[in-house]
Amino acid sequence: MREKKKNLKKMVSNIFVSICMLMGLTSFAYAEFPEKEIQFIIPFGAGGGADIEGRLLAKEMGKILGVPVVAVNKPGGGGAVTYTFTKNAKPDGYTLAWNSTSILTTTNIGNVPYKHDALDHLGRVEYQPMPLAVRYDAPWKTFKDFAEHCAKNPRTLKIANSSAGSATHVASIAYENAIQGCKFIHLPVGVKRRNATVLSGEADGMVGPLTALLNLSKAKKIRLLAIASDNRNSVIPNVPTAGELGYKANLDLFRGLSVPKGTPANVKAKLTEAMIQAAKSDAFSGLAKKKGFTVDPLTGNEFDRMISMEDTVVRDIMVSAGLYQSKKK
């Protein structure tokens, strides 16, 4: 009798432990995302447009998600360091990459051995033009003046960009290709030196994101000659598009979010919704109006189609300049 009671007690104990374990597993399985801080990886250094915009978006997303969304700078390789880090991260929603056109430039120039679809892309947050700019007292007052000079004097104008194969370099090539007979000397001087090279006279012009050039333009330190966009920008309404002047150049800079491949659909859905709400917040929209980028969230199949189309544009420009490198999947 004593042995039976002992066995019964042991059996009840085992059942109780099993129930507790099952409850724990069930609780874990249905734990609501997110439960901890999220890393928001920025491909470029602190203080630039990508950093300022990304940090504000991360802050606004943190308010919506109820956990800290922590901005972490991982510059290098034109975005390669950030995208590779994110690609190799656990696909659980706790690592986000602040993507941009750099996801296309870095994969097409061969900085990484994979294509842009090696990551899952949540969507686009905003886009902005990349104007061609010269020093304010330069002899070219219009894009037509500049284009005619370059056509008559190929390989004499030095145009600064942030790095070889970067979005600003590719946009420079787009302007160059649009001007028959024109050839630039491209100077990959880095983000921090790009503006300075024009102001000092080391470079004749530059191409950069509007957010990086706007203050210098307002201060009449540089002159924005044209933008390679479909339409004029409301913050710089007097700057024409290359297209309306008869030059076929079209490449805007976009920014958005990516996650590791295989991140669960429900997690991506929650992050995407937070991204959209944060993009439309008063704080982020206010920065957009001040800096000149256009908040226009694009998600799902629409963004997939857009990024595929932009990938073709970037690849074709790189092929024309001998920069394209094929890569593995």
C-alpha atoms as a PDB file:
ATOM      1  CA  MET A   1       0.000   0.000   0.000  1.00  0.00           C
ATOM      2  CA  ARG A   2       2.804   2.393   0.907  1.00  0.00           C
ATOM      3  CA  GLU A   3       4.559   1.604  -2.410  1.00  0.00           C
ATOM      4  CA  LYS A   4       1.351   2.294  -4.398  1.00  0.00           C
ATOM      5  CA  LYS A   5       0.929   5.687  -2.695  1.00  0.00           C
ATOM      6  CA  LYS A   6       4.539   6.504  -3.483  1.00  0.00           C
ATOM      7  CA  ASN A   7       4.101   5.604  -7.166  1.00  0.00           C
ATOM      8  CA  LEU A   8       0.831   7.570  -7.348  1.00  0.00           C
ATOM      9  CA  LYS A   9       2.470  10.604  -5.819  1.00  0.00           C
ATOM     10  CA  LYS A  10       5.344  10.355  -8.301  1.00  0.00           C
ATOM     11  CA  MET A  11       2.911  10.025 -11.204  1.00  0.00           C
ATOM     12  CA  VAL A  12       0.941  13.106 -10.114  1.00  0.00           C
ATOM     13  CA  SER A  13       4.187  15.019  -9.730  1.00  0.00           C
ATOM     14  CA  ASN A  14       5.305  14.060 -13.254  1.00  0.00           C
ATOM     15  CA  ILE A  15       1.935  15.090 -14.692  1.00  0.00           C
ATOM     16  CA  PHE A  16       2.163  18.442 -12.891  1.00  0.00           C
ATOM     17  CA  VAL A  17       5.673  19.051 -14.268  1.00  0.00           C
ATOM     18  CA  SER A  18       4.527  18.107 -17.758  1.00  0.00           C
ATOM     19  CA  ILE A  19       1.585  20.518 -17.572  1.00  0.00           C
ATOM     20  CA  CYS A  20       3.862  23.306 -16.384  1.00  0.00           C
ATOM     21  CA  MET A  21       6.303  22.628 -19.202  1.00  0.00           C
ATOM     22  CA  LEU A  22       3.482  22.567 -21.744  1.00  0.00           C
ATOM     23  CA  MET A  23       2.127  25.841 -20.398  1.00  0.00           C
ATOM     24  CA  GLY A  24       5.580  27.356 -20.605  1.00  0.00           C
ATOM     25  CA  LEU A  25       6.075  26.230 -24.172  1.00  0.00           C
ATOM     26  CA  THR A  26       2.626  27.472 -25.148  1.00  0.00           C
ATOM     27  CA  SER A  27       3.324  30.802 -23.516  1.00  0.00           C
ATOM     28  CA  PHE A  28       6.627  31.039 -25.377  1.00  0.00           C
ATOM     29  CA  ALA A  29       5.045  30.090 -28.691  1.00  0.00           C
ATOM     30  CA  TYR A  30       2.424  32.771 -28.383  1.00  0.00           C
ATOM     31  CA  ALA A  31       4.639  35.413 -26.792  1.00  0.00           C
ATOM     32  CA  GLU A  32       3.803  38.679 -28.430  1.00  0.00           C
ATOM     33  CA  PHE A  33       6.523  40.277 -30.557  1.00  0.00           C
ATOM     34  CA  PRO A  34       8.493  42.307 -29.631  1.00  0.00           C
ATOM     35  CA  GLU A  35       9.706  41.401 -26.146  1.00  0.00           C
ATOM     36  CA  LYS A  36      13.094  43.116 -26.189  1.00  0.00           C
ATOM     37  CA  GLU A  37      15.006  45.910 -27.879  1.00  0.00           C
ATOM     38  CA  ILE A  38      15.425  45.891 -31.655  1.00  0.00           C
ATOM     39  CA  GLN A  39      18.665  46.744 -33.445  1.00  0.00           C
ATOM     40  CA  PHE A  40      18.262  49.355 -36.197  1.00  0.00           C
ATOM     41  CA  ILE A  41      21.426  49.078 -38.300  1.00  0.00           C
ATOM     42  CA  ILE A  42      22.498  52.164 -40.250  1.00  0.00           C
ATOM     43  CA  PRO A  43      24.912  51.546 -43.170  1.00  0.00           C
ATOM     44  CA  PHE A  44      26.713  54.881 -42.864  1.00  0.00           C
ATOM     45  CA  GLY A  45      28.492  56.930 -40.217  1.00  0.00           C
ATOM     46  CA  ALA A  46      27.036  59.227 -37.590  1.00  0.00           C
ATOM     47  CA  GLY A  47      25.905  62.730 -38.476  1.00  0.00           C
ATOM     48  CA  GLY A  48      24.972  62.254 -42.134  1.00  0.00           C
ATOM     49  CA  GLY A  49      21.512  62.291 -43.682  1.00  0.00           C
ATOM     50  CA  ALA A  50      21.072  58.520 -43.453  1.00  0.00           C
ATOM     51  CA  ASP A  51      21.989  58.629 -39.764  1.00  0.00           C
ATOM     52  CA  ILE A  52      19.760  61.589 -38.859  1.00  0.00           C
ATOM     53  CA  GLU A  53      16.740  60.231 -40.709  1.00  0.00           C
ATOM     54  CA  GLY A  54      17.294  56.671 -39.507  1.00  0.00           C
ATOM     55  CA  ARG A  55      17.690  57.597 -35.843  1.00  0.00           C
ATOM     56  CA  LEU A  56      14.472  59.596 -35.862  1.00  0.00           C
ATOM     57  CA  LEU A  57      12.542  56.790 -37.565  1.00  0.00           C
ATOM     58  CA  ALA A  58      13.950  54.294 -35.037  1.00  0.00           C
ATOM     59  CA  LYS A  59      12.857  56.506 -32.148  1.00  0.00           C
ATOM     60  CA  GLU A  60       9.320  56.827 -33.546  1.00  0.00           C
ATOM     61  CA  MET A  61       9.095  53.069 -34.207  1.00  0.00           C
ATOM     62  CA  GLY A  62      10.136  52.412 -30.616  1.00  0.00           C
ATOM     63  CA  LYS A  63       7.180  54.467 -29.374  1.00  0.00           C
ATOM     64  CA  ILE A  64       4.806  52.403 -31.498  1.00  0.00           C
ATOM     65  CA  LEU A  65       6.286  48.975 -30.734  1.00  0.00           C
ATOM     66  CA  GLY A  66       6.720  49.621 -27.025  1.00  0.00           C
ATOM     67  CA  VAL A  67      10.389  48.563 -26.918  1.00  0.00           C
ATOM     68  CA  PRO A  68      13.606  50.479 -27.630  1.00  0.00           C
ATOM     69  CA  VAL A  69      14.597  50.494 -31.293  1.00  0.00           C
ATOM     70  CA  VAL A  70      18.299  51.187 -30.995  1.00  0.00           C
ATOM     71  CA  ALA A  71      20.198  52.806 -33.861  1.00  0.00           C
ATOM     72  CA  VAL A  72      23.620  51.232 -34.482  1.00  0.00           C
ATOM     73  CA  ASN A  73      26.030  52.536 -37.126  1.00  0.00           C
ATOM     74  CA  LYS A  74      27.861  49.856 -39.125  1.00  0.00           C
ATOM     75  CA  PRO A  75      29.510  51.718 -42.020  1.00  0.00           C
ATOM     76  CA  GLY A  76      31.750  50.147 -44.621  1.00  0.00           C
ATOM     77  CA  GLY A  77      31.745  48.870 -48.179  1.00  0.00           C
ATOM     78  CA  GLY A  78      29.043  51.271 -49.329  1.00  0.00           C
ATOM     79  CA  GLY A  79      26.519  49.422 -47.182  1.00  0.00           C
ATOM     80  CA  ALA A  80      28.064  45.947 -47.500  1.00  0.00           C
ATOM     81  CA  VAL A  81      28.890  45.677 -43.786  1.00  0.00           C
ATOM     82  CA  THR A  82      25.322  46.450 -42.684  1.00  0.00           C
ATOM     83  CA  TYR A  83      23.633  44.266 -45.277  1.00  0.00           C
ATOM     84  CA  THR A  84      25.910  41.298 -44.594  1.00  0.00           C
ATOM     85  CA  PHE A  85      25.456  41.665 -40.837  1.00  0.00           C
ATOM     86  CA  THR A  86      21.680  41.726 -41.307  1.00  0.00           C
ATOM     87  CA  LYS A  87      21.710  38.842 -43.786  1.00  0.00           C
ATOM     88  CA  ASN A  88      23.554  36.681 -41.239  1.00  0.00           C
ATOM     89  CA  ALA A  89      21.435  37.740 -38.245  1.00  0.00           C
ATOM     90  CA  LYS A  90      18.766  35.528 -36.714  1.00  0.00           C
ATOM     91  CA  PRO A  91      15.471  35.997 -38.626  1.00  0.00           C
ATOM     92  CA  ASP A  92      13.428  36.894 -35.570  1.00  0.00           C
ATOM     93  CA  GLY A  93      12.599  40.549 -36.205  1.00  0.00           C
ATOM     94  CA  TYR A  94      15.149  41.947 -33.769  1.00  0.00           C
ATOM     95  CA  THR A  95      17.557  43.139 -36.491  1.00  0.00           C
ATOM     96  CA  LEU A  96      16.523  45.800 -39.002  1.00  0.00           C
ATOM     97  CA  ALA A  97      18.635  47.342 -41.767  1.00  0.00           C
ATOM     98  CA  TRP A  98      18.011  50.942 -42.814  1.00  0.00           C
ATOM     99  CA  ASN A  99      18.254  50.228 -46.520  1.00  0.00           C
ATOM    100  CA  SER A 100      18.654  52.634 -49.418  1.00  0.00           C
ATOM    101  CA  THR A 101      19.668  52.631 -53.064  1.00  0.00           C
ATOM    102  CA  SER A 102      22.951  51.309 -51.627  1.00  0.00           C
ATOM    103  CA  ILE A 103      21.365  47.842 -51.408  1.00  0.00           C
ATOM    104  CA  LEU A 104      21.422  47.914 -55.218  1.00  0.00           C
ATOM    105  CA  THR A 105      24.750  49.640 -55.786  1.00  0.00           C
ATOM    106  CA  THR A 106      26.715  47.464 -53.355  1.00  0.00           C
ATOM    107  CA  THR A 107      25.271  44.238 -54.776  1.00  0.00           C
ATOM    108  CA  ASN A 108      25.780  45.238 -58.427  1.00  0.00           C
ATOM    109  CA  ILE A 109      29.340  46.460 -58.047  1.00  0.00           C
ATOM    110  CA  GLY A 110      30.332  43.172 -56.390  1.00  0.00           C
ATOM    111  CA  ASN A 111      31.040  44.349 -52.841  1.00  0.00           C
ATOM    112  CA  VAL A 112      29.048  41.329 -51.650  1.00  0.00           C
ATOM    113  CA  PRO A 113      28.537  37.859 -53.219  1.00  0.00           C
ATOM    114  CA  TYR A 114      24.738  38.036 -53.229  1.00  0.00           C
ATOM    115  CA  LYS A 115      21.852  39.930 -54.790  1.00  0.00           C
ATOM    116  CA  HIS A 116      19.455  42.409 -53.215  1.00  0.00           C
ATOM    117  CA  ASP A 117      16.867  39.668 -52.688  1.00  0.00           C
ATOM    118  CA  ALA A 118      19.146  37.904 -50.206  1.00  0.00           C
ATOM    119  CA  LEU A 119      17.252  40.011 -47.647  1.00  0.00           C
ATOM    120  CA  ASP A 120      13.520  40.470 -47.091  1.00  0.00           C
ATOM    121  CA  HIS A 121      12.548  44.085 -47.706  1.00  0.00           C
ATOM    122  CA  LEU A 122       9.751  45.532 -45.577  1.00  0.00           C
ATOM    123  CA  GLY A 123       9.370  48.574 -47.785  1.00  0.00           C
ATOM    124  CA  ARG A 124      10.336  52.079 -48.747  1.00  0.00           C
ATOM    125  CA  VAL A 125       9.955  54.920 -46.261  1.00  0.00           C
ATOM    126  CA  GLU A 126      10.983  57.921 -48.359  1.00  0.00           C
ATOM    127  CA  TYR A 127      12.807  59.096 -51.461  1.00  0.00           C
ATOM    128  CA  GLN A 128      14.719  62.222 -52.410  1.00  0.00           C
ATOM    129  CA  PRO A 129      16.557  63.692 -55.397  1.00  0.00           C
ATOM    130  CA  MET A 130      20.314  63.683 -55.876  1.00  0.00           C
ATOM    131  CA  PRO A 131      21.047  67.113 -57.410  1.00  0.00           C
ATOM    132  CA  LEU A 132      24.091  67.982 -59.449  1.00  0.00           C
ATOM    133  CA  ALA A 133      25.630  70.994 -57.706  1.00  0.00           C
ATOM    134  CA  VAL A 134      28.478  73.438 -58.330  1.00  0.00           C
ATOM    135  CA  ARG A 135      29.985  76.206 -56.243  1.00  0.00           C
ATOM    136  CA  TYR A 136      27.717  79.232 -56.189  1.00  0.00           C
ATOM    137  CA  ASP A 137      30.243  81.476 -57.945  1.00  0.00           C
ATOM    138  CA  ALA A 138      31.078  78.887 -60.633  1.00  0.00           C
ATOM    139  CA  PRO A 139      30.738  80.046 -64.239  1.00  0.00           C
ATOM    140  CA  TRP A 140      27.792  77.696 -64.895  1.00  0.00           C
ATOM    141  CA  LYS A 141      24.498  79.211 -63.834  1.00  0.00           C
ATOM    142  CA  THR A 142      22.283  76.576 -65.475  1.00  0.00           C
ATOM    143  CA  PHE A 143      22.509  72.877 -66.188  1.00  0.00           C
ATOM    144  CA  LYS A 144      22.538  73.668 -69.919  1.00  0.00           C
ATOM    145  CA  ASP A 145      25.642  75.858 -69.441  1.00  0.00           C
ATOM    146  CA  PHE A 146      27.311  73.054 -67.530  1.00  0.00           C
ATOM    147  CA  ALA A 147      26.328  70.399 -70.079  1.00  0.00           C
ATOM    148  CA  GLU A 148      27.552  72.416 -73.051  1.00  0.00           C
ATOM    149  CA  HIS A 149      30.880  73.065 -71.339  1.00  0.00           C
ATOM    150  CA  CYS A 150      31.353  69.363 -70.573  1.00  0.00           C
ATOM    151  CA  ALA A 151      30.445  68.308 -74.121  1.00  0.00           C
ATOM    152  CA  LYS A 152      33.057  70.690 -75.544  1.00  0.00           C
ATOM    153  CA  ASN A 153      35.669  69.829 -72.893  1.00  0.00           C
ATOM    154  CA  PRO A 154      35.314  66.121 -72.026  1.00  0.00           C
ATOM    155  CA  ARG A 155      37.391  64.651 -69.177  1.00  0.00           C
ATOM    156  CA  THR A 156      38.126  68.041 -67.641  1.00  0.00           C
ATOM    157  CA  LEU A 157      35.331  68.514 -65.090  1.00  0.00           C
ATOM    158  CA  LYS A 158      35.919  66.843 -61.723  1.00  0.00           C
ATOM    159  CA  ILE A 159      32.729  65.628 -60.046  1.00  0.00           C
ATOM    160  CA  ALA A 160      32.868  64.486 -56.413  1.00  0.00           C
ATOM    161  CA  ASN A 161      30.850  61.599 -54.997  1.00  0.00           C
ATOM    162  CA  SER A 162      30.742  59.745 -51.689  1.00  0.00           C
ATOM    163  CA  SER A 163      32.517  56.566 -52.878  1.00  0.00           C
ATOM    164  CA  ALA A 164      33.165  54.473 -55.972  1.00  0.00           C
ATOM    165  CA  GLY A 165      30.007  52.605 -56.913  1.00  0.00           C
ATOM    166  CA  SER A 166      27.850  54.543 -54.436  1.00  0.00           C
ATOM    167  CA  ALA A 167      24.403  55.915 -55.270  1.00  0.00           C
ATOM    168  CA  THR A 168      25.920  59.381 -55.748  1.00  0.00           C
ATOM    169  CA  HIS A 169      28.552  57.947 -58.100  1.00  0.00           C
ATOM    170  CA  VAL A 170      25.899  56.098 -60.110  1.00  0.00           C
ATOM    171  CA  ALA A 171      23.768  59.258 -60.255  1.00  0.00           C
ATOM    172  CA  SER A 172      26.838  61.195 -61.494  1.00  0.00           C
ATOM    173  CA  ILE A 173      27.216  58.668 -64.295  1.00  0.00           C
ATOM    174  CA  ALA A 174      23.514  59.054 -65.117  1.00  0.00           C
ATOM    175  CA  TYR A 175      24.008  62.820 -65.580  1.00  0.00           C
ATOM    176  CA  GLU A 176      27.179  62.180 -67.586  1.00  0.00           C
ATOM    177  CA  ASN A 177      25.465  59.663 -69.886  1.00  0.00           C
ATOM    178  CA  ALA A 178      22.620  62.111 -70.509  1.00  0.00           C
ATOM    179  CA  ILE A 179      24.990  64.720 -71.985  1.00  0.00           C
ATOM    180  CA  GLN A 180      26.209  63.670 -75.415  1.00  0.00           C
ATOM    181  CA  GLY A 181      29.997  63.848 -75.642  1.00  0.00           C
ATOM    182  CA  CYS A 182      30.436  64.590 -71.932  1.00  0.00           C
ATOM    183  CA  LYS A 183      32.883  62.669 -69.752  1.00  0.00           C
ATOM    184  CA  PHE A 184      33.520  63.463 -66.079  1.00  0.00           C
ATOM    185  CA  ILE A 185      36.531  62.811 -63.921  1.00  0.00           C
ATOM    186  CA  HIS A 186      34.836  61.078 -60.971  1.00  0.00           C
ATOM    187  CA  LEU A 187      36.290  61.777 -57.516  1.00  0.00           C
ATOM    188  CA  PRO A 188      35.266  59.252 -54.815  1.00  0.00           C
ATOM    189  CA  VAL A 189      36.236  61.523 -51.922  1.00  0.00           C
ATOM    190  CA  GLY A 190      33.897  60.249 -49.187  1.00  0.00           C
ATOM    191  CA  VAL A 191      30.777  61.701 -47.600  1.00  0.00           C
ATOM    192  CA  LYS A 192      32.641  63.999 -45.219  1.00  0.00           C
ATOM    193  CA  ARG A 193      34.880  65.503 -47.917  1.00  0.00           C
ATOM    194  CA  ARG A 194      32.410  65.659 -50.803  1.00  0.00           C
ATOM    195  CA  ASN A 195      31.003  69.106 -50.020  1.00  0.00           C
ATOM    196  CA  ALA A 196      34.388  70.496 -48.998  1.00  0.00           C
ATOM    197  CA  THR A 197      36.025  69.571 -52.300  1.00  0.00           C
ATOM    198  CA  VAL A 198      33.512  71.722 -54.186  1.00  0.00           C
ATOM    199  CA  LEU A 199      33.740  74.643 -51.782  1.00  0.00           C
ATOM    200  CA  SER A 200      37.546  74.599 -51.972  1.00  0.00           C
ATOM    201  CA  GLY A 201      37.640  74.283 -55.753  1.00  0.00           C
ATOM    202  CA  GLU A 202      39.278  70.843 -55.730  1.00  0.00           C
ATOM    203  CA  ALA A 203      36.174  69.557 -57.552  1.00  0.00           C
ATOM    204  CA  ASP A 204      34.090  71.414 -60.127  1.00  0.00           C
ATOM    205  CA  GLY A 205      30.838  69.879 -58.925  1.00  0.00           C
ATOM    206  CA  MET A 206      29.271  67.070 -56.990  1.00  0.00           C
ATOM    207  CA  VAL A 207      26.220  64.868 -56.692  1.00  0.00           C
ATOM    208  CA  GLY A 208      24.682  64.214 -53.285  1.00  0.00           C
ATOM    209  CA  PRO A 209      21.342  63.600 -51.573  1.00  0.00           C
ATOM    210  CA  LEU A 210      19.259  66.744 -51.243  1.00  0.00           C
ATOM    211  CA  THR A 211      19.312  66.463 -47.442  1.00  0.00           C
ATOM    212  CA  ALA A 212      23.110  66.813 -47.541  1.00  0.00           C
ATOM    213  CA  LEU A 213      23.131  69.802 -49.910  1.00  0.00           C
ATOM    214  CA  LEU A 214      20.099  71.852 -48.923  1.00  0.00           C
ATOM    215  CA  ASN A 215      21.665  74.021 -46.214  1.00  0.00           C
ATOM    216  CA  LEU A 216      24.632  74.915 -48.427  1.00  0.00           C
ATOM    217  CA  SER A 217      22.213  75.804 -51.198  1.00  0.00           C
ATOM    218  CA  LYS A 218      20.151  78.046 -48.914  1.00  0.00           C
ATOM    219  CA  ALA A 219      23.349  79.745 -47.750  1.00  0.00           C
ATOM    220  CA  LYS A 220      24.319  80.370 -51.402  1.00  0.00           C
ATOM    221  CA  LYS A 221      27.495  78.379 -51.037  1.00  0.00           C
ATOM    222  CA  ILE A 222      26.517  75.997 -53.843  1.00  0.00           C
ATOM    223  CA  ARG A 223      24.115  76.128 -56.773  1.00  0.00           C
ATOM    224  CA  LEU A 224      21.807  73.199 -57.548  1.00  0.00           C
ATOM    225  CA  LEU A 225      21.692  72.914 -61.346  1.00  0.00           C
ATOM    226  CA  ALA A 226      19.264  70.020 -61.843  1.00  0.00           C
ATOM    227  CA  ILE A 227      17.756  66.911 -60.298  1.00  0.00           C
ATOM    228  CA  ALA A 228      17.482  63.491 -61.953  1.00  0.00           C
ATOM    229  CA  SER A 229      13.842  62.998 -60.939  1.00  0.00           C
ATOM    230  CA  ASP A 230      10.431  62.689 -62.566  1.00  0.00           C
ATOM    231  CA  ASN A 231       9.139  65.883 -60.955  1.00  0.00           C
ATOM    232  CA  ARG A 232      10.497  68.995 -59.265  1.00  0.00           C
ATOM    233  CA  ASN A 233      10.923  68.926 -55.514  1.00  0.00           C
ATOM    234  CA  SER A 234       8.630  71.227 -53.477  1.00  0.00           C
ATOM    235  CA  VAL A 235      11.491  72.351 -51.209  1.00  0.00           C
ATOM    236  CA  ILE A 236      13.603  73.453 -54.210  1.00  0.00           C
ATOM    237  CA  PRO A 237      10.865  74.298 -56.758  1.00  0.00           C
ATOM    238  CA  ASN A 238      13.144  76.470 -58.906  1.00  0.00           C
ATOM    239  CA  VAL A 239      15.556  73.620 -59.630  1.00  0.00           C
ATOM    240  CA  PRO A 240      14.538  71.897 -62.882  1.00  0.00           C
ATOM    241  CA  THR A 241      14.583  68.204 -63.619  1.00  0.00           C
ATOM    242  CA  ALA A 242      17.114  66.986 -66.152  1.00  0.00           C
ATOM    243  CA  GLY A 243      14.243  65.531 -68.155  1.00  0.00           C
ATOM    244  CA  GLU A 244      12.415  68.806 -68.636  1.00  0.00           C
ATOM    245  CA  LEU A 245      15.651  70.278 -70.002  1.00  0.00           C
ATOM    246  CA  GLY A 246      15.925  67.472 -72.538  1.00  0.00           C
ATOM    247  CA  TYR A 247      18.474  65.288 -70.731  1.00  0.00           C
ATOM    248  CA  LYS A 248      17.513  61.695 -69.935  1.00  0.00           C
ATOM    249  CA  ALA A 249      18.723  61.145 -66.378  1.00  0.00           C
ATOM    250  CA  ASN A 250      16.506  59.640 -63.714  1.00  0.00           C
ATOM    251  CA  LEU A 251      17.680  58.193 -60.411  1.00  0.00           C
ATOM    252  CA  ASP A 252      16.335  59.160 -56.996  1.00  0.00           C
ATOM    253  CA  LEU A 253      17.684  57.931 -53.671  1.00  0.00           C
ATOM    254  CA  PHE A 254      15.253  55.815 -51.636  1.00  0.00           C
ATOM    255  CA  ARG A 255      15.439  54.672 -48.021  1.00  0.00           C
ATOM    256  CA  GLY A 256      13.525  51.887 -46.278  1.00  0.00           C
ATOM    257  CA  LEU A 257      13.838  48.801 -44.100  1.00  0.00           C
ATOM    258  CA  SER A 258      15.088  45.243 -44.604  1.00  0.00           C
ATOM    259  CA  VAL A 259      15.212  42.161 -42.371  1.00  0.00           C
ATOM    260  CA  PRO A 260      16.970  38.786 -42.563  1.00  0.00           C
ATOM    261  CA  LYS A 261      15.516  36.310 -45.043  1.00  0.00           C
ATOM    262  CA  GLY A 262      12.979  34.004 -43.425  1.00  0.00           C
ATOM    263  CA  THR A 263      11.677  36.431 -40.801  1.00  0.00           C
ATOM    264  CA  PRO A 264       8.124  35.248 -39.896  1.00  0.00           C
ATOM    265  CA  ALA A 265       5.299  36.911 -41.830  1.00  0.00           C
ATOM    266  CA  ASN A 266       3.467  38.079 -38.701  1.00  0.00           C
ATOM    267  CA  VAL A 267       6.646  39.719 -37.376  1.00  0.00           C
ATOM    268  CA  LYS A 268       7.285  41.448 -40.696  1.00  0.00           C
ATOM    269  CA  ALA A 269       3.686  42.651 -40.743  1.00  0.00           C
ATOM    270  CA  LYS A 270       4.042  44.226 -37.305  1.00  0.00           C
ATOM    271  CA  LEU A 271       7.350  45.880 -38.197  1.00  0.00           C
ATOM    272  CA  THR A 272       5.946  47.147 -41.475  1.00  0.00           C
ATOM    273  CA  GLU A 273       2.952  48.731 -39.770  1.00  0.00           C
ATOM    274  CA  ALA A 274       5.254  50.385 -37.221  1.00  0.00           C
ATOM    275  CA  MET A 275       7.447  51.636 -40.067  1.00  0.00           C
ATOM    276  CA  ILE A 276       4.464  53.231 -41.817  1.00  0.00           C
ATOM    277  CA  GLN A 277       3.140  54.866 -38.650  1.00  0.00           C
ATOM    278  CA  ALA A 278       6.589  56.180 -37.727  1.00  0.00           C
ATOM    279  CA  ALA A 279       7.121  57.562 -41.238  1.00  0.00           C
ATOM    280  CA  LYS A 280       3.842  59.455 -41.001  1.00  0.00           C
ATOM    281  CA  SER A 281       4.493  60.759 -37.486  1.00  0.00           C
ATOM    282  CA  ASP A 282       4.607  64.504 -36.928  1.00  0.00           C
ATOM    283  CA  ALA A 283       8.292  64.358 -36.060  1.00  0.00           C
ATOM    284  CA  PHE A 284       9.408  62.448 -39.148  1.00  0.00           C
ATOM    285  CA  SER A 285       7.069  64.303 -41.510  1.00  0.00           C
ATOM    286  CA  GLY A 286       8.355  67.564 -40.058  1.00  0.00           C
ATOM    287  CA  LEU A 287      11.944  66.578 -40.796  1.00  0.00           C
ATOM    288  CA  ALA A 288      10.901  65.663 -44.343  1.00  0.00           C
ATOM    289  CA  LYS A 289       9.405  69.105 -44.978  1.00  0.00           C
ATOM    290  CA  LYS A 290      12.507  70.758 -43.572  1.00  0.00           C
ATOM    291  CA  LYS A 291      15.075  68.617 -45.404  1.00  0.00           C
ATOM    292  CA  GLY A 292      13.291  67.966 -48.694  1.00  0.00           C
ATOM    293  CA  PHE A 293      12.710  64.223 -48.777  1.00  0.00           C
ATOM    294  CA  THR A 294       9.315  62.799 -49.685  1.00  0.00           C
ATOM    295  CA  VAL A 295       7.628  60.453 -47.224  1.00  0.00           C
ATOM    296  CA  ASP A 296       5.896  57.833 -49.350  1.00  0.00           C
ATOM    297  CA  PRO A 297       5.729  54.358 -47.764  1.00  0.00           C
ATOM    298  CA  LEU A 298       5.652  51.555 -50.309  1.00  0.00           C
ATOM    299  CA  THR A 299       5.322  47.952 -49.158  1.00  0.00           C
ATOM    300  CA  GLY A 300       4.591  44.408 -50.323  1.00  0.00           C
ATOM    301  CA  ASN A 301       4.503  43.588 -54.016  1.00  0.00           C
ATOM    302  CA  GLU A 302       4.588  47.272 -54.968  1.00  0.00           C
ATOM    303  CA  PHE A 303       7.938  47.762 -53.277  1.00  0.00           C
ATOM    304  CA  ASP A 304       9.269  44.479 -54.693  1.00  0.00           C
ATOM    305  CA  ARG A 305       8.408  45.692 -58.195  1.00  0.00           C
ATOM    306  CA  MET A 306       9.951  49.092 -57.544  1.00  0.00           C
ATOM    307  CA  ILE A 307      13.212  47.703 -56.205  1.00  0.00           C
ATOM    308  CA  SER A 308      13.477  45.278 -59.138  1.00  0.00           C
ATOM    309  CA  MET A 309      12.992  48.135 -61.590  1.00  0.00           C
ATOM    310  CA  GLU A 310      15.550  50.301 -59.784  1.00  0.00           C
ATOM    311  CA  ASP A 311      17.960  47.364 -59.751  1.00  0.00           C
ATOM    312  CA  THR A 312      17.772  47.234 -63.551  1.00  0.00           C
ATOM    313  CA  VAL A 313      18.405  50.993 -63.795  1.00  0.00           C
ATOM    314  CA  VAL A 314      21.414  50.827 -61.465  1.00  0.00           C
ATOM    315  CA  ARG A 315      22.832  47.762 -63.210  1.00  0.00           C
ATOM    316  CA  ASP A 316      22.510  49.340 -66.668  1.00  0.00           C
ATOM    317  CA  ILE A 317      24.293  52.507 -65.510  1.00  0.00           C
ATOM    318  CA  MET A 318      27.079  50.434 -63.940  1.00  0.00           C
ATOM    319  CA  VAL A 319      27.417  48.339 -67.101  1.00  0.00           C
ATOM    320  CA  SER A 320      27.782  51.532 -69.163  1.00  0.00           C
ATOM    321  CA  ALA A 321      30.675  52.597 -66.912  1.00  0.00           C
ATOM    322  CA  GLY A 322      32.307  49.183 -66.640  1.00  0.00           C
ATOM    323  CA  LEU A 323      31.498  48.927 -62.933  1.00  0.00           C
ATOM    324  CA  TYR A 324      29.050  46.029 -62.926  1.00  0.00           C
ATOM    325  CA  GLN A 325      30.213  42.760 -61.411  1.00  0.00           C
ATOM    326  CA  SER A 326      28.143  39.581 -61.601  1.00  0.00           C
ATOM    327  CA  LYS A 327      27.656  37.808 -58.329  1.00  0.00           C
ATOM    328  CA  LYS A 328      26.405  34.590 -56.810  1.00  0.00           C
ATOM    329  CA  LYS A 329      22.867  34.219 -55.516  1.00  0.00           C
END
